[in-house]
Amino acid sequence: MKGILGRKVGMTQVFTKDGKLVPVTVVSVEPNVVTQIKTVENDGYNAIQLATVDKKAKNASKASIGHAKKANTTPKRYLKEIRDYEGTYNLGDTISADVFTVGEYVDVTGTSKGQGTEGVIKRWNQSRGPMAHGSRYHRRPGSLGTMLPMHVLKGKKLPGHMGVETTTIQNLEIIEVNVAENYILVSGNIPGAKQSLVLIKSAAKKKGANTPKEVLTYSDETVVDEVVESAETVEATEETVEETETPVEETTEEVAEEATDAEATEENQGESK
């Protein structure tokens, strides 16, 4: 299994070359540092600890500073373990977005958005009662149990706090991996609010990879290039005009000289007569 820590940025959409629209979630993935390696001999299981997002030294404890120094890095805000990892890593190694390839299936784990105190309809998707004026039962939880126990049974779905739970969305496809700008595009939606921590891991149920989707890319045209080209075109046109004007002036001068010679010849002939 392989994985990386990132932060949810938001959702957008991309288009494939065959005309399909794919909704994606943008995950900002800064390089993760391996801050600890656990083995069966020392800890009872194999795992690596990943850390990301720098934290100010004044806000870090001495223990966290010393822990980070062992990996030759600065204190980090987020730490997470990945068990049964693939490959061999050393203390202080970095993992970037290219740990995944386009077309791979992943599971994304995050903390769901907090909704506060909610009723049974929104929290547990229960049905409401009749909304007519004569009904006195609209959005209440209904019966709380039988008479025999004389108390509410454990596990009864009631109103209460909703959200802020660890949630995993499975079998999402990697649409794009950009190492230069440190982000990954994942198909569909993932749990959590914007800028919240998410863990991207290899899919547990769906193995292998899908055929990579060919996503359309766009390039920005610069106006400066067009201005330079137009200026060069104008200069070339002016040079052409100047070249065409020079022979005309020379031809006019030659014609004038020939006319003067002709007049002089006629005068000489008249004098001779």
C-alpha atoms as a PDB file:
ATOM      1  CA  MET A   1       0.000   0.000   0.000  1.00  0.00           C
ATOM      2  CA  LYS A   2       1.168   3.526  -0.766  1.00  0.00           C
ATOM      3  CA  GLY A   3      -0.215   6.876   0.263  1.00  0.00           C
ATOM      4  CA  ILE A   4       0.355  10.575   0.741  1.00  0.00           C
ATOM      5  CA  LEU A   5      -1.073  13.415   2.818  1.00  0.00           C
ATOM      6  CA  GLY A   6      -2.678  16.441   1.199  1.00  0.00           C
ATOM      7  CA  ARG A   7      -5.164  19.250   1.685  1.00  0.00           C
ATOM      8  CA  LYS A   8      -8.507  19.563  -0.040  1.00  0.00           C
ATOM      9  CA  VAL A   9      -8.647  22.731  -2.154  1.00  0.00           C
ATOM     10  CA  GLY A  10     -12.069  22.449  -3.777  1.00  0.00           C
ATOM     11  CA  MET A  11     -13.921  21.006  -6.752  1.00  0.00           C
ATOM     12  CA  THR A  12     -13.822  21.777 -10.458  1.00  0.00           C
ATOM     13  CA  GLN A  13     -14.393  19.954 -13.724  1.00  0.00           C
ATOM     14  CA  VAL A  14     -12.291  18.803 -16.666  1.00  0.00           C
ATOM     15  CA  PHE A  15     -13.172  17.646 -20.161  1.00  0.00           C
ATOM     16  CA  THR A  16     -11.815  14.604 -21.936  1.00  0.00           C
ATOM     17  CA  LYS A  17     -10.976  14.489 -25.630  1.00  0.00           C
ATOM     18  CA  ASP A  18     -14.040  12.338 -26.336  1.00  0.00           C
ATOM     19  CA  GLY A  19     -16.311  15.098 -24.982  1.00  0.00           C
ATOM     20  CA  LYS A  20     -17.077  13.793 -21.489  1.00  0.00           C
ATOM     21  CA  LEU A  21     -17.199  16.042 -18.423  1.00  0.00           C
ATOM     22  CA  VAL A  22     -15.474  14.680 -15.313  1.00  0.00           C
ATOM     23  CA  PRO A  23     -16.058  16.346 -11.907  1.00  0.00           C
ATOM     24  CA  VAL A  24     -12.816  16.348  -9.925  1.00  0.00           C
ATOM     25  CA  THR A  25     -11.503  17.436  -6.548  1.00  0.00           C
ATOM     26  CA  VAL A  26      -8.213  19.329  -6.371  1.00  0.00           C
ATOM     27  CA  VAL A  27      -5.893  18.072  -3.610  1.00  0.00           C
ATOM     28  CA  SER A  28      -2.818  20.142  -2.812  1.00  0.00           C
ATOM     29  CA  VAL A  29       0.032  17.718  -2.116  1.00  0.00           C
ATOM     30  CA  GLU A  30       3.190  19.180  -0.644  1.00  0.00           C
ATOM     31  CA  PRO A  31       6.200  16.848  -0.354  1.00  0.00           C
ATOM     32  CA  ASN A  32       5.716  14.498   2.611  1.00  0.00           C
ATOM     33  CA  VAL A  33       8.668  13.710   4.875  1.00  0.00           C
ATOM     34  CA  VAL A  34       9.207  10.271   6.418  1.00  0.00           C
ATOM     35  CA  THR A  35       9.671  11.132  10.099  1.00  0.00           C
ATOM     36  CA  GLN A  36       9.565   7.610  11.563  1.00  0.00           C
ATOM     37  CA  ILE A  37       9.884   4.006  10.433  1.00  0.00           C
ATOM     38  CA  LYS A  38       8.240   1.286  12.520  1.00  0.00           C
ATOM     39  CA  THR A  39       9.204  -2.373  12.279  1.00  0.00           C
ATOM     40  CA  VAL A  40       7.858  -5.636  13.623  1.00  0.00           C
ATOM     41  CA  GLU A  41      10.933  -6.121  15.815  1.00  0.00           C
ATOM     42  CA  ASN A  42      10.592  -2.778  17.603  1.00  0.00           C
ATOM     43  CA  ASP A  43       6.905  -1.854  17.355  1.00  0.00           C
ATOM     44  CA  GLY A  44       5.075  -5.052  16.426  1.00  0.00           C
ATOM     45  CA  TYR A  45       4.050  -3.913  12.910  1.00  0.00           C
ATOM     46  CA  ASN A  46       5.478  -2.317   9.804  1.00  0.00           C
ATOM     47  CA  ALA A  47       4.585   1.296   9.060  1.00  0.00           C
ATOM     48  CA  ILE A  48       6.010   4.649   8.041  1.00  0.00           C
ATOM     49  CA  GLN A  49       5.032   7.991   9.520  1.00  0.00           C
ATOM     50  CA  LEU A  50       4.461  10.850   7.091  1.00  0.00           C
ATOM     51  CA  ALA A  51       4.526  14.531   8.022  1.00  0.00           C
ATOM     52  CA  THR A  52       3.511  17.597   6.038  1.00  0.00           C
ATOM     53  CA  VAL A  53       2.834  21.374   6.365  1.00  0.00           C
ATOM     54  CA  ASP A  54       5.459  23.285   8.335  1.00  0.00           C
ATOM     55  CA  LYS A  55       4.656  24.596  11.795  1.00  0.00           C
ATOM     56  CA  LYS A  56       6.245  27.573  13.530  1.00  0.00           C
ATOM     57  CA  ALA A  57       8.923  26.617  16.042  1.00  0.00           C
ATOM     58  CA  LYS A  58       7.317  28.788  18.742  1.00  0.00           C
ATOM     59  CA  ASN A  59       4.116  26.724  18.447  1.00  0.00           C
ATOM     60  CA  ALA A  60       5.919  23.368  18.559  1.00  0.00           C
ATOM     61  CA  SER A  61       6.774  21.423  21.693  1.00  0.00           C
ATOM     62  CA  LYS A  62      10.307  20.300  22.489  1.00  0.00           C
ATOM     63  CA  ALA A  63       9.300  16.693  21.849  1.00  0.00           C
ATOM     64  CA  SER A  64       7.990  17.485  18.342  1.00  0.00           C
ATOM     65  CA  ILE A  65      11.104  19.553  17.546  1.00  0.00           C
ATOM     66  CA  GLY A  66      13.374  16.700  18.634  1.00  0.00           C
ATOM     67  CA  HIS A  67      11.273  14.207  16.688  1.00  0.00           C
ATOM     68  CA  ALA A  68      11.596  16.309  13.525  1.00  0.00           C
ATOM     69  CA  LYS A  69      15.345  16.789  13.964  1.00  0.00           C
ATOM     70  CA  LYS A  70      15.871  13.034  13.767  1.00  0.00           C
ATOM     71  CA  ALA A  71      14.519  13.210  10.204  1.00  0.00           C
ATOM     72  CA  ASN A  72      16.520  16.390   9.497  1.00  0.00           C
ATOM     73  CA  THR A  73      13.388  18.499   8.946  1.00  0.00           C
ATOM     74  CA  THR A  74      11.307  21.200  10.620  1.00  0.00           C
ATOM     75  CA  PRO A  75       8.316  20.564  12.912  1.00  0.00           C
ATOM     76  CA  LYS A  76       5.213  19.575  10.977  1.00  0.00           C
ATOM     77  CA  ARG A  77       1.554  20.198  11.614  1.00  0.00           C
ATOM     78  CA  TYR A  78       0.133  16.903  10.383  1.00  0.00           C
ATOM     79  CA  LEU A  79       1.450  13.381  11.092  1.00  0.00           C
ATOM     80  CA  LYS A  80      -0.028  10.135   9.822  1.00  0.00           C
ATOM     81  CA  GLU A  81       0.994   6.477   9.687  1.00  0.00           C
ATOM     82  CA  ILE A  82       0.640   4.154   6.711  1.00  0.00           C
ATOM     83  CA  ARG A  83       0.859   0.430   7.421  1.00  0.00           C
ATOM     84  CA  ASP A  84       2.120  -2.246   5.049  1.00  0.00           C
ATOM     85  CA  TYR A  85       3.652   0.352   2.768  1.00  0.00           C
ATOM     86  CA  GLU A  86       5.204  -0.424  -0.604  1.00  0.00           C
ATOM     87  CA  GLY A  87       8.880   0.163  -1.273  1.00  0.00           C
ATOM     88  CA  THR A  88      11.804   0.943   0.985  1.00  0.00           C
ATOM     89  CA  TYR A  89      12.151   4.300   2.691  1.00  0.00           C
ATOM     90  CA  ASN A  90      14.760   5.829   4.950  1.00  0.00           C
ATOM     91  CA  LEU A  91      14.340   8.418   7.674  1.00  0.00           C
ATOM     92  CA  GLY A  92      14.091  11.869   6.099  1.00  0.00           C
ATOM     93  CA  ASP A  93      13.019  10.726   2.615  1.00  0.00           C
ATOM     94  CA  THR A  94      10.387  12.775   0.797  1.00  0.00           C
ATOM     95  CA  ILE A  95       7.319  11.525  -1.058  1.00  0.00           C
ATOM     96  CA  SER A  96       5.824  13.749  -3.759  1.00  0.00           C
ATOM     97  CA  ALA A  97       2.675  13.637  -5.900  1.00  0.00           C
ATOM     98  CA  ASP A  98       4.255  11.284  -8.439  1.00  0.00           C
ATOM     99  CA  VAL A  99       3.822   8.380  -6.010  1.00  0.00           C
ATOM    100  CA  PHE A 100       0.512   7.859  -7.878  1.00  0.00           C
ATOM    101  CA  THR A 101      -0.022   7.625 -11.623  1.00  0.00           C
ATOM    102  CA  VAL A 102      -2.953   8.662 -13.780  1.00  0.00           C
ATOM    103  CA  GLY A 103      -5.640   5.962 -13.926  1.00  0.00           C
ATOM    104  CA  GLU A 104      -4.955   4.431 -10.485  1.00  0.00           C
ATOM    105  CA  TYR A 105      -7.796   3.832  -8.026  1.00  0.00           C
ATOM    106  CA  VAL A 106      -7.453   5.273  -4.529  1.00  0.00           C
ATOM    107  CA  ASP A 107      -9.328   5.578  -1.237  1.00  0.00           C
ATOM    108  CA  VAL A 108      -9.512   9.080   0.252  1.00  0.00           C
ATOM    109  CA  THR A 109      -9.989   9.509   4.001  1.00  0.00           C
ATOM    110  CA  GLY A 110     -10.911  12.817   5.633  1.00  0.00           C
ATOM    111  CA  THR A 111     -12.977  14.434   8.382  1.00  0.00           C
ATOM    112  CA  SER A 112     -16.512  15.268   7.280  1.00  0.00           C
ATOM    113  CA  LYS A 113     -17.935  18.770   7.617  1.00  0.00           C
ATOM    114  CA  GLY A 114     -19.506  19.688  10.937  1.00  0.00           C
ATOM    115  CA  GLN A 115     -23.283  20.254  10.755  1.00  0.00           C
ATOM    116  CA  GLY A 116     -23.974  21.005  14.416  1.00  0.00           C
ATOM    117  CA  THR A 117     -27.057  19.603  16.150  1.00  0.00           C
ATOM    118  CA  GLU A 118     -29.499  18.161  13.608  1.00  0.00           C
ATOM    119  CA  GLY A 119     -32.801  16.296  13.717  1.00  0.00           C
ATOM    120  CA  VAL A 120     -33.487  12.730  12.683  1.00  0.00           C
ATOM    121  CA  ILE A 121     -34.586  13.644   9.161  1.00  0.00           C
ATOM    122  CA  LYS A 122     -31.289  15.235   8.161  1.00  0.00           C
ATOM    123  CA  ARG A 123     -29.077  13.159  10.453  1.00  0.00           C
ATOM    124  CA  TRP A 124     -30.547   9.699   9.764  1.00  0.00           C
ATOM    125  CA  ASN A 125     -32.595  10.317   6.599  1.00  0.00           C
ATOM    126  CA  GLN A 126     -35.903   9.399   8.259  1.00  0.00           C
ATOM    127  CA  SER A 127     -39.275  10.267   6.720  1.00  0.00           C
ATOM    128  CA  ARG A 128     -41.422  13.089   8.056  1.00  0.00           C
ATOM    129  CA  GLY A 129     -45.042  12.886   9.155  1.00  0.00           C
ATOM    130  CA  PRO A 130     -48.102  14.439   7.488  1.00  0.00           C
ATOM    131  CA  MET A 131     -47.804  18.210   7.038  1.00  0.00           C
ATOM    132  CA  ALA A 132     -51.558  18.900   7.243  1.00  0.00           C
ATOM    133  CA  HIS A 133     -52.878  21.239   9.910  1.00  0.00           C
ATOM    134  CA  GLY A 134     -54.633  18.452  11.791  1.00  0.00           C
ATOM    135  CA  SER A 135     -51.447  16.424  12.205  1.00  0.00           C
ATOM    136  CA  ARG A 136     -49.375  16.997  15.300  1.00  0.00           C
ATOM    137  CA  TYR A 137     -46.481  14.853  14.069  1.00  0.00           C
ATOM    138  CA  HIS A 138     -44.183  16.475  11.488  1.00  0.00           C
ATOM    139  CA  ARG A 139     -40.436  16.106  11.994  1.00  0.00           C
ATOM    140  CA  ARG A 140     -40.182  14.330  15.357  1.00  0.00           C
ATOM    141  CA  PRO A 141     -38.240  11.071  15.901  1.00  0.00           C
ATOM    142  CA  GLY A 142     -41.347   8.966  16.532  1.00  0.00           C
ATOM    143  CA  SER A 143     -41.571   6.061  18.962  1.00  0.00           C
ATOM    144  CA  LEU A 144     -38.552   5.649  21.254  1.00  0.00           C
ATOM    145  CA  GLY A 145     -39.122   1.984  22.044  1.00  0.00           C
ATOM    146  CA  THR A 146     -41.463  -0.595  23.612  1.00  0.00           C
ATOM    147  CA  MET A 147     -42.950  -0.526  27.105  1.00  0.00           C
ATOM    148  CA  LEU A 148     -41.148  -3.589  28.470  1.00  0.00           C
ATOM    149  CA  PRO A 149     -37.593  -2.265  28.980  1.00  0.00           C
ATOM    150  CA  MET A 150     -38.989   1.004  30.354  1.00  0.00           C
ATOM    151  CA  HIS A 151     -36.059   2.882  28.870  1.00  0.00           C
ATOM    152  CA  VAL A 152     -34.708   3.943  25.471  1.00  0.00           C
ATOM    153  CA  LEU A 153     -32.685   1.135  23.905  1.00  0.00           C
ATOM    154  CA  LYS A 154     -29.037   1.749  23.174  1.00  0.00           C
ATOM    155  CA  GLY A 155     -28.372   2.715  19.555  1.00  0.00           C
ATOM    156  CA  LYS A 156     -31.721   4.432  18.983  1.00  0.00           C
ATOM    157  CA  LYS A 157     -31.385   7.043  16.219  1.00  0.00           C
ATOM    158  CA  LEU A 158     -32.137  10.382  17.817  1.00  0.00           C
ATOM    159  CA  PRO A 159     -31.340  14.051  17.147  1.00  0.00           C
ATOM    160  CA  GLY A 160     -27.807  15.074  18.013  1.00  0.00           C
ATOM    161  CA  HIS A 161     -24.433  16.234  16.753  1.00  0.00           C
ATOM    162  CA  MET A 162     -23.808  15.554  13.068  1.00  0.00           C
ATOM    163  CA  GLY A 163     -20.562  15.538  11.133  1.00  0.00           C
ATOM    164  CA  VAL A 164     -16.881  15.787  12.178  1.00  0.00           C
ATOM    165  CA  GLU A 165     -16.417  12.067  11.619  1.00  0.00           C
ATOM    166  CA  THR A 166     -13.639  10.174   9.874  1.00  0.00           C
ATOM    167  CA  THR A 167     -15.049   9.190   6.491  1.00  0.00           C
ATOM    168  CA  THR A 168     -13.545   7.248   3.580  1.00  0.00           C
ATOM    169  CA  ILE A 169     -14.645   7.412  -0.046  1.00  0.00           C
ATOM    170  CA  GLN A 170     -13.480   4.347  -1.964  1.00  0.00           C
ATOM    171  CA  ASN A 171     -12.512   3.589  -5.567  1.00  0.00           C
ATOM    172  CA  LEU A 172     -11.821   7.106  -6.825  1.00  0.00           C
ATOM    173  CA  GLU A 173      -9.752   7.502  -9.986  1.00  0.00           C
ATOM    174  CA  ILE A 174      -6.646   9.665 -10.354  1.00  0.00           C
ATOM    175  CA  ILE A 175      -7.312  12.036 -13.280  1.00  0.00           C
ATOM    176  CA  GLU A 176      -4.140  14.155 -13.252  1.00  0.00           C
ATOM    177  CA  VAL A 177      -0.856  14.343 -11.320  1.00  0.00           C
ATOM    178  CA  ASN A 178       1.113  17.593 -11.442  1.00  0.00           C
ATOM    179  CA  VAL A 179       4.456  17.443  -9.627  1.00  0.00           C
ATOM    180  CA  ALA A 180       5.535  20.943 -10.685  1.00  0.00           C
ATOM    181  CA  GLU A 181       2.539  22.606  -9.010  1.00  0.00           C
ATOM    182  CA  ASN A 182       2.064  19.930  -6.303  1.00  0.00           C
ATOM    183  CA  TYR A 183      -1.523  18.866  -6.850  1.00  0.00           C
ATOM    184  CA  ILE A 184      -3.566  15.775  -7.703  1.00  0.00           C
ATOM    185  CA  LEU A 185      -6.970  15.688  -9.389  1.00  0.00           C
ATOM    186  CA  VAL A 186      -9.237  12.963  -8.006  1.00  0.00           C
ATOM    187  CA  SER A 187     -12.524  12.041  -9.667  1.00  0.00           C
ATOM    188  CA  GLY A 188     -15.671  12.788  -7.699  1.00  0.00           C
ATOM    189  CA  ASN A 189     -16.006  14.370  -4.278  1.00  0.00           C
ATOM    190  CA  ILE A 190     -14.059  13.659  -1.110  1.00  0.00           C
ATOM    191  CA  PRO A 191     -14.955  14.313   2.552  1.00  0.00           C
ATOM    192  CA  GLY A 192     -13.932  17.418   4.433  1.00  0.00           C
ATOM    193  CA  ALA A 193     -14.043  21.181   4.252  1.00  0.00           C
ATOM    194  CA  LYS A 194     -11.650  23.282   2.183  1.00  0.00           C
ATOM    195  CA  GLN A 195      -8.036  23.235   3.408  1.00  0.00           C
ATOM    196  CA  SER A 196      -8.764  20.156   5.538  1.00  0.00           C
ATOM    197  CA  LEU A 197      -6.335  17.243   5.765  1.00  0.00           C
ATOM    198  CA  VAL A 198      -6.968  14.175   3.602  1.00  0.00           C
ATOM    199  CA  LEU A 199      -5.121  10.886   3.235  1.00  0.00           C
ATOM    200  CA  ILE A 200      -4.889   9.348  -0.243  1.00  0.00           C
ATOM    201  CA  LYS A 201      -4.129   5.608  -0.213  1.00  0.00           C
ATOM    202  CA  SER A 202      -4.179   2.785  -2.705  1.00  0.00           C
ATOM    203  CA  ALA A 203      -7.653   1.317  -3.145  1.00  0.00           C
ATOM    204  CA  ALA A 204      -8.274  -1.627  -0.829  1.00  0.00           C
ATOM    205  CA  LYS A 205     -10.998  -3.274  -2.933  1.00  0.00           C
ATOM    206  CA  LYS A 206     -10.329  -2.239  -6.521  1.00  0.00           C
ATOM    207  CA  LYS A 207      -6.909  -3.326  -7.696  1.00  0.00           C
ATOM    208  CA  GLY A 208      -5.100  -2.367 -10.863  1.00  0.00           C
ATOM    209  CA  ALA A 209      -5.499   0.780 -12.918  1.00  0.00           C
ATOM    210  CA  ASN A 210      -7.957   2.127 -15.425  1.00  0.00           C
ATOM    211  CA  THR A 211      -7.123   3.367 -18.914  1.00  0.00           C
ATOM    212  CA  PRO A 212      -5.913   6.957 -18.371  1.00  0.00           C
ATOM    213  CA  LYS A 213      -8.383   9.573 -19.551  1.00  0.00           C
ATOM    214  CA  GLU A 214      -7.046  12.048 -22.094  1.00  0.00           C
ATOM    215  CA  VAL A 215      -7.842  15.428 -20.574  1.00  0.00           C
ATOM    216  CA  LEU A 216      -8.005  18.574 -22.670  1.00  0.00           C
ATOM    217  CA  THR A 217      -5.328  21.149 -21.909  1.00  0.00           C
ATOM    218  CA  TYR A 218      -5.445  24.856 -22.632  1.00  0.00           C
ATOM    219  CA  SER A 219      -2.644  27.300 -23.412  1.00  0.00           C
ATOM    220  CA  ASP A 220      -2.834  31.055 -22.875  1.00  0.00           C
ATOM    221  CA  GLU A 221      -2.047  33.257 -25.858  1.00  0.00           C
ATOM    222  CA  THR A 222       0.139  36.242 -25.073  1.00  0.00           C
ATOM    223  CA  VAL A 223      -0.799  39.615 -26.543  1.00  0.00           C
ATOM    224  CA  VAL A 224       2.840  40.718 -26.547  1.00  0.00           C
ATOM    225  CA  ASP A 225       3.735  38.227 -29.248  1.00  0.00           C
ATOM    226  CA  GLU A 226       0.911  39.472 -31.443  1.00  0.00           C
ATOM    227  CA  VAL A 227       2.038  43.094 -31.013  1.00  0.00           C
ATOM    228  CA  VAL A 228       5.616  42.197 -31.906  1.00  0.00           C
ATOM    229  CA  GLU A 229       4.466  40.280 -34.968  1.00  0.00           C
ATOM    230  CA  SER A 230       2.274  43.172 -36.123  1.00  0.00           C
ATOM    231  CA  ALA A 231       5.151  45.620 -35.615  1.00  0.00           C
ATOM    232  CA  GLU A 232       7.469  43.400 -37.626  1.00  0.00           C
ATOM    233  CA  THR A 233       4.834  43.177 -40.374  1.00  0.00           C
ATOM    234  CA  VAL A 234       4.522  46.988 -40.496  1.00  0.00           C
ATOM    235  CA  GLU A 235       8.301  47.415 -40.718  1.00  0.00           C
ATOM    236  CA  ALA A 236       8.508  44.854 -43.517  1.00  0.00           C
ATOM    237  CA  THR A 237       5.715  46.642 -45.389  1.00  0.00           C
ATOM    238  CA  GLU A 238       7.479  50.011 -45.036  1.00  0.00           C
ATOM    239  CA  GLU A 239      10.723  48.529 -46.341  1.00  0.00           C
ATOM    240  CA  THR A 240       8.866  47.082 -49.326  1.00  0.00           C
ATOM    241  CA  VAL A 241       7.267  50.451 -50.069  1.00  0.00           C
ATOM    242  CA  GLU A 242      10.637  52.196 -49.872  1.00  0.00           C
ATOM    243  CA  GLU A 243      12.147  49.668 -52.259  1.00  0.00           C
ATOM    244  CA  THR A 244       9.306  50.171 -54.727  1.00  0.00           C
ATOM    245  CA  GLU A 245       9.496  53.978 -54.464  1.00  0.00           C
ATOM    246  CA  THR A 246      13.259  54.232 -55.271  1.00  0.00           C
ATOM    247  CA  PRO A 247      13.067  52.875 -58.854  1.00  0.00           C
ATOM    248  CA  VAL A 248      10.177  55.259 -59.614  1.00  0.00           C
ATOM    249  CA  GLU A 249      12.273  58.285 -58.606  1.00  0.00           C
ATOM    250  CA  GLU A 250      15.222  57.017 -60.680  1.00  0.00           C
ATOM    251  CA  THR A 251      12.959  56.464 -63.687  1.00  0.00           C
ATOM    252  CA  THR A 252      11.567  60.026 -63.418  1.00  0.00           C
ATOM    253  CA  GLU A 253      15.050  61.499 -63.348  1.00  0.00           C
ATOM    254  CA  GLU A 254      16.072  59.442 -66.410  1.00  0.00           C
ATOM    255  CA  VAL A 255      12.987  60.602 -68.341  1.00  0.00           C
ATOM    256  CA  ALA A 256      13.756  64.236 -67.497  1.00  0.00           C
ATOM    257  CA  GLU A 257      17.341  63.834 -68.665  1.00  0.00           C
ATOM    258  CA  GLU A 258      16.210  62.235 -71.950  1.00  0.00           C
ATOM    259  CA  ALA A 259      13.737  65.105 -72.547  1.00  0.00           C
ATOM    260  CA  THR A 260      16.484  67.686 -71.967  1.00  0.00           C
ATOM    261  CA  ASP A 261      18.798  65.861 -74.381  1.00  0.00           C
ATOM    262  CA  ALA A 262      16.039  65.751 -77.002  1.00  0.00           C
ATOM    263  CA  GLU A 263      15.392  69.502 -76.714  1.00  0.00           C
ATOM    264  CA  ALA A 264      19.123  70.243 -77.002  1.00  0.00           C
ATOM    265  CA  THR A 265      19.350  68.070 -80.135  1.00  0.00           C
ATOM    266  CA  GLU A 266      16.413  69.900 -81.759  1.00  0.00           C
ATOM    267  CA  GLU A 267      17.979  73.298 -81.025  1.00  0.00           C
ATOM    268  CA  ASN A 268      21.272  72.224 -82.585  1.00  0.00           C
ATOM    269  CA  GLN A 269      19.502  70.993 -85.708  1.00  0.00           C
ATOM    270  CA  GLY A 270      17.646  74.347 -86.031  1.00  0.00           C
ATOM    271  CA  GLU A 271      20.818  76.314 -85.781  1.00  0.00           C
ATOM    272  CA  SER A 272      22.527  74.200 -88.427  1.00  0.00           C
ATOM    273  CA  LYS A 273      19.664  74.850 -90.843  1.00  0.00           C
END
